[in-house]
Every structure is written in C-alpha cells, then in structure tokens.
Amino acid sequence: EVIVPAPYWVSYPEMVKLAEGKPVVVTA
C-alpha cells in the first residue's frame, strides 16, 4: 500500500498501479 493524500497529482496513483501496488487515498 502507498498512501496518496488527495487532491493528488494525476500520475501518483497510476504509478503505484504500475508497480502493482495499491494506492490508499486519504482525502483532505
């Protein structure tokens, strides 16, 4: 899992997916 605070830059979750990881979005 990779914690990605939202709003995030569009490419972060996609890069995590590319590594077969799981983006965990934390919304502010």
PDB file of all heavy atoms in Angstrom:
ATOM      1  N   GLU A   1       0.834  -1.210   0.000  1.00  0.00           N
ATOM      2  CA  GLU A   1       0.000   0.000   0.000  1.00  0.00           C
ATOM      3  C   GLU A   1       0.866   1.256   0.000  1.00  0.00           C
ATOM      4  O   GLU A   1       1.897   1.316   0.673  1.00  0.00           O
ATOM      5  CB  GLU A   1      -0.906   0.003   1.243  1.00  0.00           C
ATOM      6  CG  GLU A   1      -1.938  -1.111   1.204  1.00  0.00           C
ATOM      7  CD  GLU A   1      -2.760  -1.223   2.480  1.00  0.00           C
ATOM      8  OE1 GLU A   1      -2.492  -0.479   3.449  1.00  0.00           O
ATOM      9  OE2 GLU A   1      -3.673  -2.075   2.502  1.00  0.00           O
ATOM     10  N   VAL A   2       0.411   2.243  -0.761  1.00  0.00           N
ATOM     11  CA  VAL A   2       1.074   3.546  -0.793  1.00  0.00           C
ATOM     12  C   VAL A   2       0.019   4.600  -0.480  1.00  0.00           C
ATOM     13  O   VAL A   2      -1.013   4.675  -1.156  1.00  0.00           O
ATOM     14  CB  VAL A   2       1.722   3.825  -2.174  1.00  0.00           C
ATOM     15  CG1 VAL A   2       2.353   5.213  -2.194  1.00  0.00           C
ATOM     16  CG2 VAL A   2       2.773   2.755  -2.495  1.00  0.00           C
ATOM     17  N   ILE A   3       0.269   5.377   0.561  1.00  0.00           N
ATOM     18  CA  ILE A   3      -0.694   6.416   0.955  1.00  0.00           C
ATOM     19  C   ILE A   3      -0.529   7.620   0.034  1.00  0.00           C
ATOM     20  O   ILE A   3       0.571   8.161  -0.123  1.00  0.00           O
ATOM     21  CB  ILE A   3      -0.498   6.825   2.426  1.00  0.00           C
ATOM     22  CG1 ILE A   3      -0.803   5.616   3.335  1.00  0.00           C
ATOM     23  CG2 ILE A   3      -1.397   8.008   2.788  1.00  0.00           C
ATOM     24  CD1 ILE A   3      -0.471   5.842   4.801  1.00  0.00           C
ATOM     25  N   VAL A   4      -1.653   8.013  -0.579  1.00  0.00           N
ATOM     26  CA  VAL A   4      -1.657   9.132  -1.517  1.00  0.00           C
ATOM     27  C   VAL A   4      -2.687  10.152  -1.033  1.00  0.00           C
ATOM     28  O   VAL A   4      -3.894   9.931  -1.173  1.00  0.00           O
ATOM     29  CB  VAL A   4      -2.011   8.660  -2.946  1.00  0.00           C
ATOM     30  CG1 VAL A   4      -1.935   9.826  -3.933  1.00  0.00           C
ATOM     31  CG2 VAL A   4      -1.102   7.518  -3.398  1.00  0.00           C
ATOM     32  N   PRO A   5      -2.240  11.261  -0.413  1.00  0.00           N
ATOM     33  CA  PRO A   5      -3.207  12.283   0.000  1.00  0.00           C
ATOM     34  C   PRO A   5      -3.910  12.880  -1.220  1.00  0.00           C
ATOM     35  O   PRO A   5      -3.272  13.134  -2.244  1.00  0.00           O
ATOM     36  CB  PRO A   5      -2.335  13.341   0.694  1.00  0.00           C
ATOM     37  CG  PRO A   5      -1.090  12.606   1.104  1.00  0.00           C
ATOM     38  CD  PRO A   5      -0.869  11.596   0.013  1.00  0.00           C
ATOM     39  N   ALA A   6      -5.227  13.068  -1.111  1.00  0.00           N
ATOM     40  CA  ALA A   6      -5.990  13.711  -2.184  1.00  0.00           C
ATOM     41  C   ALA A   6      -6.437  15.085  -1.703  1.00  0.00           C
ATOM     42  O   ALA A   6      -6.765  15.228  -0.530  1.00  0.00           O
ATOM     43  CB  ALA A   6      -7.202  12.869  -2.548  1.00  0.00           C
ATOM     44  N   PRO A   7      -6.431  16.088  -2.582  1.00  0.00           N
ATOM     45  CA  PRO A   7      -6.130  16.057  -4.007  1.00  0.00           C
ATOM     46  C   PRO A   7      -4.670  15.659  -4.289  1.00  0.00           C
ATOM     47  O   PRO A   7      -3.757  16.117  -3.599  1.00  0.00           O
ATOM     48  CB  PRO A   7      -6.375  17.504  -4.447  1.00  0.00           C
ATOM     49  CG  PRO A   7      -7.228  18.114  -3.380  1.00  0.00           C
ATOM     50  CD  PRO A   7      -6.824  17.448  -2.119  1.00  0.00           C
ATOM     51  N   TYR A   8      -4.504  14.806  -5.302  1.00  0.00           N
ATOM     52  CA  TYR A   8      -3.162  14.360  -5.672  1.00  0.00           C
ATOM     53  C   TYR A   8      -2.894  14.707  -7.132  1.00  0.00           C
ATOM     54  O   TYR A   8      -3.820  14.916  -7.925  1.00  0.00           O
ATOM     55  CB  TYR A   8      -3.018  12.845  -5.477  1.00  0.00           C
ATOM     56  CG  TYR A   8      -4.166  12.024  -6.014  1.00  0.00           C
ATOM     57  CD1 TYR A   8      -4.394  11.915  -7.396  1.00  0.00           C
ATOM     58  CD2 TYR A   8      -5.043  11.348  -5.154  1.00  0.00           C
ATOM     59  CE1 TYR A   8      -5.452  11.157  -7.887  1.00  0.00           C
ATOM     60  CE2 TYR A   8      -6.100  10.596  -5.655  1.00  0.00           C
ATOM     61  CZ  TYR A   8      -6.301  10.503  -7.013  1.00  0.00           C
ATOM     62  OH  TYR A   8      -7.344   9.771  -7.511  1.00  0.00           O
ATOM     63  N   TRP A   9      -1.610  14.729  -7.477  1.00  0.00           N
ATOM     64  CA  TRP A   9      -1.239  14.879  -8.882  1.00  0.00           C
ATOM     65  C   TRP A   9      -1.684  13.615  -9.622  1.00  0.00           C
ATOM     66  O   TRP A   9      -1.534  12.503  -9.098  1.00  0.00           O
ATOM     67  CB  TRP A   9       0.267  15.096  -8.995  1.00  0.00           C
ATOM     68  CG  TRP A   9       0.750  15.250 -10.403  1.00  0.00           C
ATOM     69  CD1 TRP A   9       0.221  16.067 -11.374  1.00  0.00           C
ATOM     70  CD2 TRP A   9       1.868  14.594 -11.001  1.00  0.00           C
ATOM     71  NE1 TRP A   9       0.948  15.941 -12.533  1.00  0.00           N
ATOM     72  CE2 TRP A   9       1.958  15.040 -12.338  1.00  0.00           C
ATOM     73  CE3 TRP A   9       2.804  13.658 -10.538  1.00  0.00           C
ATOM     74  CZ2 TRP A   9       2.943  14.593 -13.208  1.00  0.00           C
ATOM     75  CZ3 TRP A   9       3.783  13.225 -11.395  1.00  0.00           C
ATOM     76  CH2 TRP A   9       3.847  13.694 -12.722  1.00  0.00           C
ATOM     77  N   VAL A  10      -2.229  13.791 -10.811  1.00  0.00           N
ATOM     78  CA  VAL A  10      -2.905  12.694 -11.518  1.00  0.00           C
ATOM     79  C   VAL A  10      -2.067  11.421 -11.651  1.00  0.00           C
ATOM     80  O   VAL A  10      -2.611  10.319 -11.662  1.00  0.00           O
ATOM     81  CB  VAL A  10      -3.369  13.127 -12.934  1.00  0.00           C
ATOM     82  CG1 VAL A  10      -4.422  14.215 -12.847  1.00  0.00           C
ATOM     83  CG2 VAL A  10      -2.205  13.594 -13.797  1.00  0.00           C
ATOM     84  N   SER A  11      -0.746  11.549 -11.743  1.00  0.00           N
ATOM     85  CA  SER A  11       0.075  10.359 -12.051  1.00  0.00           C
ATOM     86  C   SER A  11       0.421   9.496 -10.840  1.00  0.00           C
ATOM     87  O   SER A  11       0.812   8.343 -11.015  1.00  0.00           O
ATOM     88  CB  SER A  11       1.375  10.786 -12.755  1.00  0.00           C
ATOM     89  OG  SER A  11       1.084  11.396 -13.992  1.00  0.00           O
ATOM     90  N   TYR A  12       0.297  10.022  -9.613  1.00  0.00           N
ATOM     91  CA  TYR A  12       0.730   9.223  -8.454  1.00  0.00           C
ATOM     92  C   TYR A  12       0.024   7.869  -8.347  1.00  0.00           C
ATOM     93  O   TYR A  12       0.687   6.832  -8.275  1.00  0.00           O
ATOM     94  CB  TYR A  12       0.545   9.977  -7.134  1.00  0.00           C
ATOM     95  CG  TYR A  12       1.372  11.230  -6.945  1.00  0.00           C
ATOM     96  CD1 TYR A  12       0.883  12.291  -6.195  1.00  0.00           C
ATOM     97  CD2 TYR A  12       2.655  11.353  -7.488  1.00  0.00           C
ATOM     98  CE1 TYR A  12       1.634  13.448  -6.003  1.00  0.00           C
ATOM     99  CE2 TYR A  12       3.402  12.509  -7.303  1.00  0.00           C
ATOM    100  CZ  TYR A  12       2.881  13.560  -6.560  1.00  0.00           C
ATOM    101  OH  TYR A  12       3.611  14.698  -6.361  1.00  0.00           O
ATOM    102  N   PRO A  13      -1.320   7.836  -8.312  1.00  0.00           N
ATOM    103  CA  PRO A  13      -1.972   6.530  -8.151  1.00  0.00           C
ATOM    104  C   PRO A  13      -1.671   5.603  -9.331  1.00  0.00           C
ATOM    105  O   PRO A  13      -1.552   4.390  -9.155  1.00  0.00           O
ATOM    106  CB  PRO A  13      -3.474   6.853  -8.100  1.00  0.00           C
ATOM    107  CG  PRO A  13      -3.578   8.316  -7.964  1.00  0.00           C
ATOM    108  CD  PRO A  13      -2.295   8.938  -8.393  1.00  0.00           C
ATOM    109  N   GLU A  14      -1.535   6.189 -10.521  1.00  0.00           N
ATOM    110  CA  GLU A  14      -1.271   5.379 -11.716  1.00  0.00           C
ATOM    111  C   GLU A  14       0.110   4.733 -11.629  1.00  0.00           C
ATOM    112  O   GLU A  14       0.310   3.584 -12.028  1.00  0.00           O
ATOM    113  CB  GLU A  14      -1.386   6.239 -12.976  1.00  0.00           C
ATOM    114  CG  GLU A  14      -2.738   6.946 -13.126  1.00  0.00           C
ATOM    115  CD  GLU A  14      -3.926   5.998 -13.106  1.00  0.00           C
ATOM    116  OE1 GLU A  14      -3.841   4.912 -13.702  1.00  0.00           O
ATOM    117  OE2 GLU A  14      -4.955   6.341 -12.473  1.00  0.00           O
ATOM    118  N   MET A  15       1.094   5.473 -11.103  1.00  0.00           N
ATOM    119  CA  MET A  15       2.438   4.919 -10.930  1.00  0.00           C
ATOM    120  C   MET A  15       2.428   3.780  -9.910  1.00  0.00           C
ATOM    121  O   MET A  15       3.125   2.771 -10.077  1.00  0.00           O
ATOM    122  CB  MET A  15       3.406   6.011 -10.476  1.00  0.00           C
ATOM    123  CG  MET A  15       3.738   7.031 -11.552  1.00  0.00           C
ATOM    124  SD  MET A  15       4.658   8.407 -10.812  1.00  0.00           S
ATOM    125  CE  MET A  15       5.009   9.400 -12.262  1.00  0.00           C
ATOM    126  N   VAL A  16       1.636   3.953  -8.855  1.00  0.00           N
ATOM    127  CA  VAL A  16       1.524   2.891  -7.839  1.00  0.00           C
ATOM    128  C   VAL A  16       0.911   1.641  -8.481  1.00  0.00           C
ATOM    129  O   VAL A  16       1.377   0.517  -8.258  1.00  0.00           O
ATOM    130  CB  VAL A  16       0.689   3.365  -6.624  1.00  0.00           C
ATOM    131  CG1 VAL A  16       0.437   2.214  -5.654  1.00  0.00           C
ATOM    132  CG2 VAL A  16       1.393   4.526  -5.907  1.00  0.00           C
ATOM    133  N   LYS A  17      -0.105   1.855  -9.319  1.00  0.00           N
ATOM    134  CA  LYS A  17      -0.736   0.726 -10.016  1.00  0.00           C
ATOM    135  C   LYS A  17       0.257   0.039 -10.953  1.00  0.00           C
ATOM    136  O   LYS A  17       0.254  -1.183 -11.092  1.00  0.00           O
ATOM    137  CB  LYS A  17      -1.954   1.209 -10.814  1.00  0.00           C
ATOM    138  CG  LYS A  17      -3.178   1.520  -9.971  1.00  0.00           C
ATOM    139  CD  LYS A  17      -4.394   1.637 -10.881  1.00  0.00           C
ATOM    140  CE  LYS A  17      -4.986   3.013 -10.896  1.00  0.00           C
ATOM    141  NZ  LYS A  17      -5.942   3.231 -11.986  1.00  0.00           N
ATOM    142  N   LEU A  18       1.095   0.833 -11.587  1.00  0.00           N
ATOM    143  CA  LEU A  18       2.118   0.296 -12.491  1.00  0.00           C
ATOM    144  C   LEU A  18       3.044  -0.656 -11.736  1.00  0.00           C
ATOM    145  O   LEU A  18       3.496  -1.664 -12.269  1.00  0.00           O
ATOM    146  CB  LEU A  18       2.923   1.469 -13.068  1.00  0.00           C
ATOM    147  CG  LEU A  18       3.724   1.281 -14.337  1.00  0.00           C
ATOM    148  CD1 LEU A  18       2.862   0.779 -15.479  1.00  0.00           C
ATOM    149  CD2 LEU A  18       4.381   2.603 -14.744  1.00  0.00           C
ATOM    150  N   ALA A  19       3.317  -0.322 -10.467  1.00  0.00           N
ATOM    151  CA  ALA A  19       4.177  -1.170  -9.630  1.00  0.00           C
ATOM    152  C   ALA A  19       3.382  -2.312  -8.987  1.00  0.00           C
ATOM    153  O   ALA A  19       3.923  -3.053  -8.165  1.00  0.00           O
ATOM    154  CB  ALA A  19       4.830  -0.315  -8.546  1.00  0.00           C
ATOM    155  N   GLU A  20       2.099  -2.429  -9.362  1.00  0.00           N
ATOM    156  CA  GLU A  20       1.186  -3.441  -8.810  1.00  0.00           C
ATOM    157  C   GLU A  20       0.938  -3.253  -7.320  1.00  0.00           C
ATOM    158  O   GLU A  20       0.643  -4.191  -6.586  1.00  0.00           O
ATOM    159  CB  GLU A  20       1.678  -4.865  -9.126  1.00  0.00           C
ATOM    160  CG  GLU A  20       1.746  -5.153 -10.621  1.00  0.00           C
ATOM    161  CD  GLU A  20       2.277  -6.546 -10.916  1.00  0.00           C
ATOM    162  OE1 GLU A  20       1.681  -7.521 -10.428  1.00  0.00           O
ATOM    163  OE2 GLU A  20       3.298  -6.639 -11.624  1.00  0.00           O
ATOM    164  N   GLY A  21       1.112  -2.014  -6.882  1.00  0.00           N
ATOM    165  CA  GLY A  21       0.776  -1.674  -5.506  1.00  0.00           C
ATOM    166  C   GLY A  21      -0.655  -1.164  -5.439  1.00  0.00           C
ATOM    167  O   GLY A  21      -1.357  -1.080  -6.455  1.00  0.00           O
ATOM    168  N   LYS A  22      -1.074  -0.802  -4.212  1.00  0.00           N
ATOM    169  CA  LYS A  22      -2.450  -0.341  -4.013  1.00  0.00           C
ATOM    170  C   LYS A  22      -2.419   1.099  -3.484  1.00  0.00           C
ATOM    171  O   LYS A  22      -1.895   1.325  -2.383  1.00  0.00           O
ATOM    172  CB  LYS A  22      -3.135  -1.270  -3.009  1.00  0.00           C
ATOM    173  CG  LYS A  22      -4.577  -0.906  -2.743  1.00  0.00           C
ATOM    174  CD  LYS A  22      -5.240  -1.938  -1.822  1.00  0.00           C
ATOM    175  CE  LYS A  22      -6.638  -1.481  -1.457  1.00  0.00           C
ATOM    176  NZ  LYS A  22      -6.837  -1.187  -0.050  1.00  0.00           N
ATOM    177  N   PRO A  23      -2.926   2.071  -4.270  1.00  0.00           N
ATOM    178  CA  PRO A  23      -2.990   3.431  -3.742  1.00  0.00           C
ATOM    179  C   PRO A  23      -4.053   3.522  -2.652  1.00  0.00           C
ATOM    180  O   PRO A  23      -5.183   3.082  -2.852  1.00  0.00           O
ATOM    181  CB  PRO A  23      -3.392   4.283  -4.955  1.00  0.00           C
ATOM    182  CG  PRO A  23      -3.529   3.364  -6.120  1.00  0.00           C
ATOM    183  CD  PRO A  23      -3.491   1.958  -5.624  1.00  0.00           C
ATOM    184  N   VAL A  24      -3.683   4.048  -1.490  1.00  0.00           N
ATOM    185  CA  VAL A  24      -4.640   4.263  -0.405  1.00  0.00           C
ATOM    186  C   VAL A  24      -4.845   5.773  -0.315  1.00  0.00           C
ATOM    187  O   VAL A  24      -3.946   6.516   0.083  1.00  0.00           O
ATOM    188  CB  VAL A  24      -4.100   3.706   0.930  1.00  0.00           C
ATOM    189  CG1 VAL A  24      -5.026   4.074   2.089  1.00  0.00           C
ATOM    190  CG2 VAL A  24      -3.925   2.193   0.829  1.00  0.00           C
ATOM    191  N   VAL A  25      -6.012   6.207  -0.732  1.00  0.00           N
ATOM    192  CA  VAL A  25      -6.261   7.643  -0.864  1.00  0.00           C
ATOM    193  C   VAL A  25      -6.809   8.212   0.445  1.00  0.00           C
ATOM    194  O   VAL A  25      -7.762   7.677   1.012  1.00  0.00           O
ATOM    195  CB  VAL A  25      -7.227   7.919  -2.037  1.00  0.00           C
ATOM    196  CG1 VAL A  25      -7.603   9.397  -2.104  1.00  0.00           C
ATOM    197  CG2 VAL A  25      -6.585   7.476  -3.355  1.00  0.00           C
ATOM    198  N   VAL A  26      -6.168   9.273   0.930  1.00  0.00           N
ATOM    199  CA  VAL A  26      -6.612   9.967   2.146  1.00  0.00           C
ATOM    200  C   VAL A  26      -7.036  11.368   1.711  1.00  0.00           C
ATOM    201  O   VAL A  26      -6.231  12.131   1.186  1.00  0.00           O
ATOM    202  CB  VAL A  26      -5.461  10.064   3.174  1.00  0.00           C
ATOM    203  CG1 VAL A  26      -5.910  10.849   4.395  1.00  0.00           C
ATOM    204  CG2 VAL A  26      -4.991   8.672   3.570  1.00  0.00           C
ATOM    205  N   THR A  27      -8.306  11.675   1.922  1.00  0.00           N
ATOM    206  CA  THR A  27      -8.852  12.916   1.352  1.00  0.00           C
ATOM    207  C   THR A  27      -8.832  14.078   2.336  1.00  0.00           C
ATOM    208  O   THR A  27      -9.259  13.951   3.477  1.00  0.00           O
ATOM    209  CB  THR A  27     -10.304  12.675   0.880  1.00  0.00           C
ATOM    210  OG1 THR A  27     -10.287  11.573  -0.028  1.00  0.00           O
ATOM    211  CG2 THR A  27     -10.868  13.882   0.169  1.00  0.00           C
ATOM    212  N   ALA A  28      -8.322  15.213   1.851  1.00  0.00           N
ATOM    213  CA  ALA A  28      -8.329  16.455   2.633  1.00  0.00           C
ATOM    214  C   ALA A  28      -9.103  17.495   1.831  1.00  0.00           C
ATOM    215  O   ALA A  28      -8.718  17.822   0.710  1.00  0.00           O
ATOM    216  CB  ALA A  28      -6.901  16.925   2.880  1.00  0.00           C
TER     217      ALA A  28
END
